[in-house]
Amino acid sequence: VRLTGVNWFGFETSMMYPHGIWSRDCRSMLKQIKDCGFNCIRFPWSNDILKAGATISINSYGTDPYTGVTPMNQIESTFTSPMQMLDKIVEYCQQLNIKIILDNHSRKSDNYLNESVWYTPDVSEAKWISDWATLAARYKNNDAVIGMDLDNEPNGAHGQGCTWGNSNSLTDWNKAAERCGNAILQANPNVLIIIEGIQTYNGDGYWWGGNLKGVADFPIVISNPKKLVYSPHEY
């Protein structure tokens, strides 16, 4: 199977729903994506969408220029939480045979530029793993959801970023990815575990998330190796 995908941002921002549906209908957007020949969408999200008090507000008005549906987002405008919105997108993608990769873009909304490791003072590693396991279990019976991109762009920004294979539990990204990947597979054995690289390994720097040289020395080991996907975050 060849996956040809696009990113649809929004769940990782303070709006906590896909950007653009203030002027387009959500299902119409998905249909247009499929009609353009794409069969996969990567949805970035932040851990804020799983908070009990997380709220969204979507308006319903106007006519979508692609499908002509009017008013746009009539169902979506009734949602009050980002998880309701994500559930509906999974349902739509299931109907349209579009596959989904969920990407943990940041722990806090709009904060990915300030996060160089996979945890923050507000979201511990245990909480990060627990949230991933929650999502994995939630969509276990939805084969539209095929992959979990564990962390977007692990990097070495601000002088204290992710490392690979140095056995430092505070920075060793490959070991954290193994712990998280195994927890996800325990909750949902069907999904792919997508693991990006880091920024710098043994003095060699590259794009954030793009450096996988450490794999040669310290390969990822998870419970089901067939579910492992190395993702060189490349531009």
C-alpha atoms as a PDB file:
ATOM      1  CA  VAL A   1       0.000   0.000   0.000  1.00  0.00           C
ATOM      2  CA  ARG A   2       1.360   3.394  -0.951  1.00  0.00           C
ATOM      3  CA  LEU A   3       0.306   6.247   1.304  1.00  0.00           C
ATOM      4  CA  THR A   4       0.146   9.638  -0.382  1.00  0.00           C
ATOM      5  CA  GLY A   5      -0.844  12.146   2.224  1.00  0.00           C
ATOM      6  CA  VAL A   6      -1.270  15.723   3.311  1.00  0.00           C
ATOM      7  CA  ASN A   7      -1.177  17.465   6.680  1.00  0.00           C
ATOM      8  CA  TRP A   8      -4.265  19.183   8.028  1.00  0.00           C
ATOM      9  CA  PHE A   9      -3.283  21.426  10.895  1.00  0.00           C
ATOM     10  CA  GLY A  10      -5.481  22.781  13.677  1.00  0.00           C
ATOM     11  CA  PHE A  11      -5.893  20.314  16.525  1.00  0.00           C
ATOM     12  CA  GLU A  12      -2.455  21.359  17.800  1.00  0.00           C
ATOM     13  CA  THR A  13      -3.447  25.046  17.957  1.00  0.00           C
ATOM     14  CA  SER A  14      -5.493  26.958  20.502  1.00  0.00           C
ATOM     15  CA  MET A  15      -8.550  26.567  18.225  1.00  0.00           C
ATOM     16  CA  MET A  16      -8.306  22.772  18.673  1.00  0.00           C
ATOM     17  CA  TYR A  17     -10.061  21.903  15.428  1.00  0.00           C
ATOM     18  CA  PRO A  18      -8.930  21.740  11.776  1.00  0.00           C
ATOM     19  CA  HIS A  19      -8.091  25.110  10.325  1.00  0.00           C
ATOM     20  CA  GLY A  20     -10.103  26.371   7.394  1.00  0.00           C
ATOM     21  CA  ILE A  21     -13.530  25.135   8.371  1.00  0.00           C
ATOM     22  CA  TRP A  22     -14.464  28.695   9.179  1.00  0.00           C
ATOM     23  CA  SER A  23     -14.869  29.003   5.395  1.00  0.00           C
ATOM     24  CA  ARG A  24     -15.231  25.385   4.228  1.00  0.00           C
ATOM     25  CA  ASP A  25     -17.343  22.395   5.182  1.00  0.00           C
ATOM     26  CA  CYS A  26     -15.310  19.710   6.952  1.00  0.00           C
ATOM     27  CA  ARG A  27     -16.629  16.712   5.017  1.00  0.00           C
ATOM     28  CA  SER A  28     -16.362  18.623   1.754  1.00  0.00           C
ATOM     29  CA  MET A  29     -12.695  19.301   2.488  1.00  0.00           C
ATOM     30  CA  LEU A  30     -12.109  15.599   3.083  1.00  0.00           C
ATOM     31  CA  LYS A  31     -13.889  14.713  -0.142  1.00  0.00           C
ATOM     32  CA  GLN A  32     -11.783  17.217  -2.095  1.00  0.00           C
ATOM     33  CA  ILE A  33      -8.600  15.811  -0.561  1.00  0.00           C
ATOM     34  CA  LYS A  34      -9.619  12.335  -1.738  1.00  0.00           C
ATOM     35  CA  ASP A  35     -10.680  13.597  -5.168  1.00  0.00           C
ATOM     36  CA  CYS A  36      -7.211  15.137  -5.579  1.00  0.00           C
ATOM     37  CA  GLY A  37      -5.705  11.661  -5.254  1.00  0.00           C
ATOM     38  CA  PHE A  38      -4.611  11.632  -1.611  1.00  0.00           C
ATOM     39  CA  ASN A  39      -5.436   8.614   0.541  1.00  0.00           C
ATOM     40  CA  CYS A  40      -3.973   9.661   3.896  1.00  0.00           C
ATOM     41  CA  ILE A  41      -4.120  12.698   6.195  1.00  0.00           C
ATOM     42  CA  ARG A  42      -1.756  13.470   9.048  1.00  0.00           C
ATOM     43  CA  PHE A  43      -3.544  15.318  11.837  1.00  0.00           C
ATOM     44  CA  PRO A  44      -1.264  17.106  14.323  1.00  0.00           C
ATOM     45  CA  TRP A  45      -2.684  17.395  17.841  1.00  0.00           C
ATOM     46  CA  SER A  46      -1.639  18.698  21.239  1.00  0.00           C
ATOM     47  CA  ASN A  47      -2.319  17.068  24.589  1.00  0.00           C
ATOM     48  CA  ASP A  48      -4.622  19.975  25.415  1.00  0.00           C
ATOM     49  CA  ILE A  49      -7.388  18.417  23.297  1.00  0.00           C
ATOM     50  CA  LEU A  50      -7.692  15.589  25.831  1.00  0.00           C
ATOM     51  CA  LYS A  51      -8.200  17.866  28.822  1.00  0.00           C
ATOM     52  CA  ALA A  52     -11.614  17.585  30.454  1.00  0.00           C
ATOM     53  CA  GLY A  53     -12.306  21.300  30.087  1.00  0.00           C
ATOM     54  CA  ALA A  54     -11.196  21.666  26.461  1.00  0.00           C
ATOM     55  CA  THR A  55     -13.851  23.469  24.412  1.00  0.00           C
ATOM     56  CA  ILE A  56     -14.340  24.464  20.790  1.00  0.00           C
ATOM     57  CA  SER A  57     -16.799  26.675  18.929  1.00  0.00           C
ATOM     58  CA  ILE A  58     -17.582  26.164  15.238  1.00  0.00           C
ATOM     59  CA  ASN A  59     -20.046  28.254  13.250  1.00  0.00           C
ATOM     60  CA  SER A  60     -22.495  26.874  10.699  1.00  0.00           C
ATOM     61  CA  TYR A  61     -23.265  29.175   7.796  1.00  0.00           C
ATOM     62  CA  GLY A  62     -22.806  29.661   4.059  1.00  0.00           C
ATOM     63  CA  THR A  63     -22.447  27.317   1.098  1.00  0.00           C
ATOM     64  CA  ASP A  64     -19.371  25.196   0.451  1.00  0.00           C
ATOM     65  CA  PRO A  65     -17.905  26.000  -2.977  1.00  0.00           C
ATOM     66  CA  TYR A  66     -16.838  22.404  -3.682  1.00  0.00           C
ATOM     67  CA  THR A  67     -19.868  20.270  -2.875  1.00  0.00           C
ATOM     68  CA  GLY A  68     -22.534  22.957  -2.502  1.00  0.00           C
ATOM     69  CA  VAL A  69     -23.578  21.750   0.941  1.00  0.00           C
ATOM     70  CA  THR A  70     -25.396  24.435   2.898  1.00  0.00           C
ATOM     71  CA  PRO A  71     -25.160  25.417   5.637  1.00  0.00           C
ATOM     72  CA  MET A  72     -21.576  24.264   6.157  1.00  0.00           C
ATOM     73  CA  ASN A  73     -20.603  22.281   9.261  1.00  0.00           C
ATOM     74  CA  GLN A  74     -24.158  21.912  10.504  1.00  0.00           C
ATOM     75  CA  ILE A  75     -23.272  18.850  12.588  1.00  0.00           C
ATOM     76  CA  GLU A  76     -19.861  20.164  13.645  1.00  0.00           C
ATOM     77  CA  SER A  77     -21.368  23.390  14.995  1.00  0.00           C
ATOM     78  CA  THR A  78     -23.099  21.339  17.710  1.00  0.00           C
ATOM     79  CA  PHE A  79     -19.775  20.061  19.094  1.00  0.00           C
ATOM     80  CA  THR A  80     -18.360  21.552  22.272  1.00  0.00           C
ATOM     81  CA  SER A  81     -15.170  19.490  22.664  1.00  0.00           C
ATOM     82  CA  PRO A  82     -12.228  18.835  20.324  1.00  0.00           C
ATOM     83  CA  MET A  83     -12.570  15.080  20.828  1.00  0.00           C
ATOM     84  CA  GLN A  84     -16.094  15.204  19.408  1.00  0.00           C
ATOM     85  CA  MET A  85     -14.601  16.844  16.339  1.00  0.00           C
ATOM     86  CA  LEU A  86     -11.812  14.290  16.042  1.00  0.00           C
ATOM     87  CA  ASP A  87     -14.307  11.444  16.430  1.00  0.00           C
ATOM     88  CA  LYS A  88     -16.400  12.861  13.584  1.00  0.00           C
ATOM     89  CA  ILE A  89     -13.355  13.206  11.328  1.00  0.00           C
ATOM     90  CA  VAL A  90     -12.420   9.589  11.995  1.00  0.00           C
ATOM     91  CA  GLU A  91     -15.988   8.627  11.102  1.00  0.00           C
ATOM     92  CA  TYR A  92     -15.895  10.661   7.866  1.00  0.00           C
ATOM     93  CA  CYS A  93     -12.512   9.207   6.891  1.00  0.00           C
ATOM     94  CA  GLN A  94     -13.819   5.723   7.596  1.00  0.00           C
ATOM     95  CA  GLN A  95     -16.678   6.369   5.174  1.00  0.00           C
ATOM     96  CA  LEU A  96     -14.409   7.896   2.505  1.00  0.00           C
ATOM     97  CA  ASN A  97     -11.660   5.253   2.871  1.00  0.00           C
ATOM     98  CA  ILE A  98      -9.088   7.875   3.835  1.00  0.00           C
ATOM     99  CA  LYS A  99      -6.407   6.768   6.278  1.00  0.00           C
ATOM    100  CA  ILE A 100      -5.297   8.840   9.275  1.00  0.00           C
ATOM    101  CA  ILE A 101      -1.944   9.371  10.951  1.00  0.00           C
ATOM    102  CA  LEU A 102      -2.190  11.082  14.329  1.00  0.00           C
ATOM    103  CA  ASP A 103       0.816  13.271  15.136  1.00  0.00           C
ATOM    104  CA  ASN A 104       1.544  14.491  18.651  1.00  0.00           C
ATOM    105  CA  HIS A 105       2.754  17.925  17.618  1.00  0.00           C
ATOM    106  CA  SER A 106       3.138  19.488  21.063  1.00  0.00           C
ATOM    107  CA  ARG A 107       2.058  19.029  24.633  1.00  0.00           C
ATOM    108  CA  LYS A 108       0.582  22.531  24.850  1.00  0.00           C
ATOM    109  CA  SER A 109      -1.417  24.215  22.124  1.00  0.00           C
ATOM    110  CA  ASP A 110       0.607  26.480  19.818  1.00  0.00           C
ATOM    111  CA  ASN A 111       3.793  25.543  21.668  1.00  0.00           C
ATOM    112  CA  TYR A 112       5.760  23.218  19.372  1.00  0.00           C
ATOM    113  CA  LEU A 113       8.530  25.757  18.760  1.00  0.00           C
ATOM    114  CA  ASN A 114       9.261  25.809  22.494  1.00  0.00           C
ATOM    115  CA  GLU A 115       9.273  22.057  23.105  1.00  0.00           C
ATOM    116  CA  SER A 116      12.464  20.194  22.263  1.00  0.00           C
ATOM    117  CA  VAL A 117      11.665  16.995  24.192  1.00  0.00           C
ATOM    118  CA  TRP A 118       8.549  14.853  24.511  1.00  0.00           C
ATOM    119  CA  TYR A 119       7.480  16.069  27.950  1.00  0.00           C
ATOM    120  CA  THR A 120       6.950  19.386  29.728  1.00  0.00           C
ATOM    121  CA  PRO A 121       6.482  20.504  33.347  1.00  0.00           C
ATOM    122  CA  ASP A 122       2.722  20.186  32.785  1.00  0.00           C
ATOM    123  CA  VAL A 123       2.726  16.963  30.740  1.00  0.00           C
ATOM    124  CA  SER A 124       5.023  14.293  32.160  1.00  0.00           C
ATOM    125  CA  GLU A 125       6.295  11.371  30.129  1.00  0.00           C
ATOM    126  CA  ALA A 126       3.763   9.163  31.923  1.00  0.00           C
ATOM    127  CA  LYS A 127       0.932  11.508  30.934  1.00  0.00           C
ATOM    128  CA  TRP A 128       2.225  11.709  27.342  1.00  0.00           C
ATOM    129  CA  ILE A 129       2.211   7.907  27.092  1.00  0.00           C
ATOM    130  CA  SER A 130      -1.176   7.641  28.804  1.00  0.00           C
ATOM    131  CA  ASP A 131      -2.750  10.115  26.367  1.00  0.00           C
ATOM    132  CA  TRP A 132      -1.335   8.163  23.433  1.00  0.00           C
ATOM    133  CA  ALA A 133      -2.715   4.911  24.833  1.00  0.00           C
ATOM    134  CA  THR A 134      -6.097   6.581  25.315  1.00  0.00           C
ATOM    135  CA  LEU A 135      -6.247   7.611  21.664  1.00  0.00           C
ATOM    136  CA  ALA A 136      -5.015   4.210  20.508  1.00  0.00           C
ATOM    137  CA  ALA A 137      -7.742   2.434  22.455  1.00  0.00           C
ATOM    138  CA  ARG A 138     -10.383   4.946  21.395  1.00  0.00           C
ATOM    139  CA  TYR A 139      -9.875   4.182  17.707  1.00  0.00           C
ATOM    140  CA  LYS A 140      -8.964   0.516  18.005  1.00  0.00           C
ATOM    141  CA  ASN A 141     -12.017  -0.494  15.978  1.00  0.00           C
ATOM    142  CA  ASN A 142     -11.558   2.214  13.332  1.00  0.00           C
ATOM    143  CA  ASP A 143      -9.181   0.989  10.658  1.00  0.00           C
ATOM    144  CA  ALA A 144      -9.092   4.496   9.209  1.00  0.00           C
ATOM    145  CA  VAL A 145      -6.581   5.291  11.975  1.00  0.00           C
ATOM    146  CA  ILE A 146      -3.424   3.516  10.854  1.00  0.00           C
ATOM    147  CA  GLY A 147      -0.476   5.305  12.445  1.00  0.00           C
ATOM    148  CA  MET A 148       0.788   7.198  15.466  1.00  0.00           C
ATOM    149  CA  ASP A 149       3.591   9.721  14.896  1.00  0.00           C
ATOM    150  CA  LEU A 150       4.842   9.816  18.471  1.00  0.00           C
ATOM    151  CA  ASP A 151       6.403  13.290  18.533  1.00  0.00           C
ATOM    152  CA  ASN A 152       6.844  15.968  15.908  1.00  0.00           C
ATOM    153  CA  GLU A 153      10.402  17.160  15.343  1.00  0.00           C
ATOM    154  CA  PRO A 154      12.383  16.014  18.396  1.00  0.00           C
ATOM    155  CA  ASN A 155      15.227  18.502  18.416  1.00  0.00           C
ATOM    156  CA  GLY A 156      18.117  20.106  20.218  1.00  0.00           C
ATOM    157  CA  ALA A 157      16.809  23.641  20.405  1.00  0.00           C
ATOM    158  CA  HIS A 158      17.693  25.844  23.354  1.00  0.00           C
ATOM    159  CA  GLY A 159      20.725  23.665  24.026  1.00  0.00           C
ATOM    160  CA  GLN A 160      18.843  20.937  25.792  1.00  0.00           C
ATOM    161  CA  GLY A 161      17.131  18.713  23.298  1.00  0.00           C
ATOM    162  CA  CYS A 162      16.675  15.097  22.495  1.00  0.00           C
ATOM    163  CA  THR A 163      19.550  12.647  22.281  1.00  0.00           C
ATOM    164  CA  TRP A 164      19.681   9.141  20.834  1.00  0.00           C
ATOM    165  CA  GLY A 165      21.189   6.212  22.667  1.00  0.00           C
ATOM    166  CA  ASN A 166      23.032   7.859  25.552  1.00  0.00           C
ATOM    167  CA  SER A 167      20.903   6.161  28.252  1.00  0.00           C
ATOM    168  CA  ASN A 168      19.843   9.499  29.762  1.00  0.00           C
ATOM    169  CA  SER A 169      16.159   9.067  30.601  1.00  0.00           C
ATOM    170  CA  LEU A 170      15.628  12.835  30.451  1.00  0.00           C
ATOM    171  CA  THR A 171      16.815  13.206  26.864  1.00  0.00           C
ATOM    172  CA  ASP A 172      17.141   9.771  25.254  1.00  0.00           C
ATOM    173  CA  TRP A 173      14.409   9.969  22.638  1.00  0.00           C
ATOM    174  CA  ASN A 174      14.798   6.474  21.199  1.00  0.00           C
ATOM    175  CA  LYS A 175      14.142   4.827  24.572  1.00  0.00           C
ATOM    176  CA  ALA A 176      11.148   7.077  25.288  1.00  0.00           C
ATOM    177  CA  ALA A 177       9.773   6.205  21.851  1.00  0.00           C
ATOM    178  CA  GLU A 178      10.121   2.506  22.636  1.00  0.00           C
ATOM    179  CA  ARG A 179       8.236   2.914  25.909  1.00  0.00           C
ATOM    180  CA  CYS A 180       5.465   4.867  24.238  1.00  0.00           C
ATOM    181  CA  GLY A 181       5.285   2.616  21.190  1.00  0.00           C
ATOM    182  CA  ASN A 182       4.895  -0.492  23.308  1.00  0.00           C
ATOM    183  CA  ALA A 183       2.110   1.127  25.354  1.00  0.00           C
ATOM    184  CA  ILE A 184       0.264   2.064  22.161  1.00  0.00           C
ATOM    185  CA  LEU A 185       0.602  -1.445  20.729  1.00  0.00           C
ATOM    186  CA  GLN A 186      -0.703  -2.898  23.959  1.00  0.00           C
ATOM    187  CA  ALA A 187      -3.809  -0.707  23.608  1.00  0.00           C
ATOM    188  CA  ASN A 188      -4.120  -1.160  19.850  1.00  0.00           C
ATOM    189  CA  PRO A 189      -1.911  -3.773  18.147  1.00  0.00           C
ATOM    190  CA  ASN A 190      -3.026  -2.738  14.655  1.00  0.00           C
ATOM    191  CA  VAL A 191      -1.414   0.699  14.248  1.00  0.00           C
ATOM    192  CA  LEU A 192       1.968   1.731  12.907  1.00  0.00           C
ATOM    193  CA  ILE A 193       4.438   3.286  15.345  1.00  0.00           C
ATOM    194  CA  ILE A 194       6.060   6.217  13.557  1.00  0.00           C
ATOM    195  CA  ILE A 195       9.295   7.466  15.108  1.00  0.00           C
ATOM    196  CA  GLU A 196      11.112  10.542  13.881  1.00  0.00           C
ATOM    197  CA  GLY A 197      14.802  11.224  14.285  1.00  0.00           C
ATOM    198  CA  ILE A 198      16.408  13.987  16.319  1.00  0.00           C
ATOM    199  CA  GLN A 199      18.446  17.046  15.370  1.00  0.00           C
ATOM    200  CA  THR A 200      22.028  16.215  16.317  1.00  0.00           C
ATOM    201  CA  TYR A 201      23.820  12.876  16.699  1.00  0.00           C
ATOM    202  CA  ASN A 202      27.522  12.600  17.535  1.00  0.00           C
ATOM    203  CA  GLY A 203      28.031  16.189  16.482  1.00  0.00           C
ATOM    204  CA  ASP A 204      26.238  15.854  13.140  1.00  0.00           C
ATOM    205  CA  GLY A 205      23.284  18.245  12.913  1.00  0.00           C
ATOM    206  CA  TYR A 206      20.306  18.198  10.568  1.00  0.00           C
ATOM    207  CA  TRP A 207      16.659  19.209  10.354  1.00  0.00           C
ATOM    208  CA  TRP A 208      14.585  18.915  13.529  1.00  0.00           C
ATOM    209  CA  GLY A 209      13.419  15.301  13.577  1.00  0.00           C
ATOM    210  CA  GLY A 210      15.421  14.465  10.459  1.00  0.00           C
ATOM    211  CA  ASN A 211      18.573  12.877  11.860  1.00  0.00           C
ATOM    212  CA  LEU A 212      18.287   9.095  12.129  1.00  0.00           C
ATOM    213  CA  LYS A 213      22.013   8.305  12.151  1.00  0.00           C
ATOM    214  CA  GLY A 214      21.641   6.978  15.690  1.00  0.00           C
ATOM    215  CA  VAL A 215      19.601   4.047  14.397  1.00  0.00           C
ATOM    216  CA  ALA A 216      22.789   2.421  13.085  1.00  0.00           C
ATOM    217  CA  ASP A 217      24.111   2.210  16.638  1.00  0.00           C
ATOM    218  CA  PHE A 218      20.886   2.043  18.631  1.00  0.00           C
ATOM    219  CA  PRO A 219      17.964   0.665  16.580  1.00  0.00           C
ATOM    220  CA  ILE A 220      14.439   0.942  17.941  1.00  0.00           C
ATOM    221  CA  VAL A 221      13.164  -2.240  19.596  1.00  0.00           C
ATOM    222  CA  ILE A 222       9.402  -2.561  20.100  1.00  0.00           C
ATOM    223  CA  SER A 223       7.116  -5.489  20.814  1.00  0.00           C
ATOM    224  CA  ASN A 224       6.119  -5.905  17.166  1.00  0.00           C
ATOM    225  CA  PRO A 225       8.950  -4.860  14.806  1.00  0.00           C
ATOM    226  CA  LYS A 226       6.599  -5.094  11.807  1.00  0.00           C
ATOM    227  CA  LYS A 227       4.752  -2.041  13.116  1.00  0.00           C
ATOM    228  CA  LEU A 228       7.858   0.165  13.251  1.00  0.00           C
ATOM    229  CA  VAL A 229       8.198   3.074  10.824  1.00  0.00           C
ATOM    230  CA  TYR A 230      11.266   5.327  10.884  1.00  0.00           C
ATOM    231  CA  SER A 231      10.280   8.816   9.773  1.00  0.00           C
ATOM    232  CA  PRO A 232      13.102  11.088   8.548  1.00  0.00           C
ATOM    233  CA  HIS A 233      11.296  14.400   8.988  1.00  0.00           C
ATOM    234  CA  GLU A 234      12.547  15.904   5.729  1.00  0.00           C
ATOM    235  CA  TYR A 235      11.950  19.118   3.824  1.00  0.00           C
END
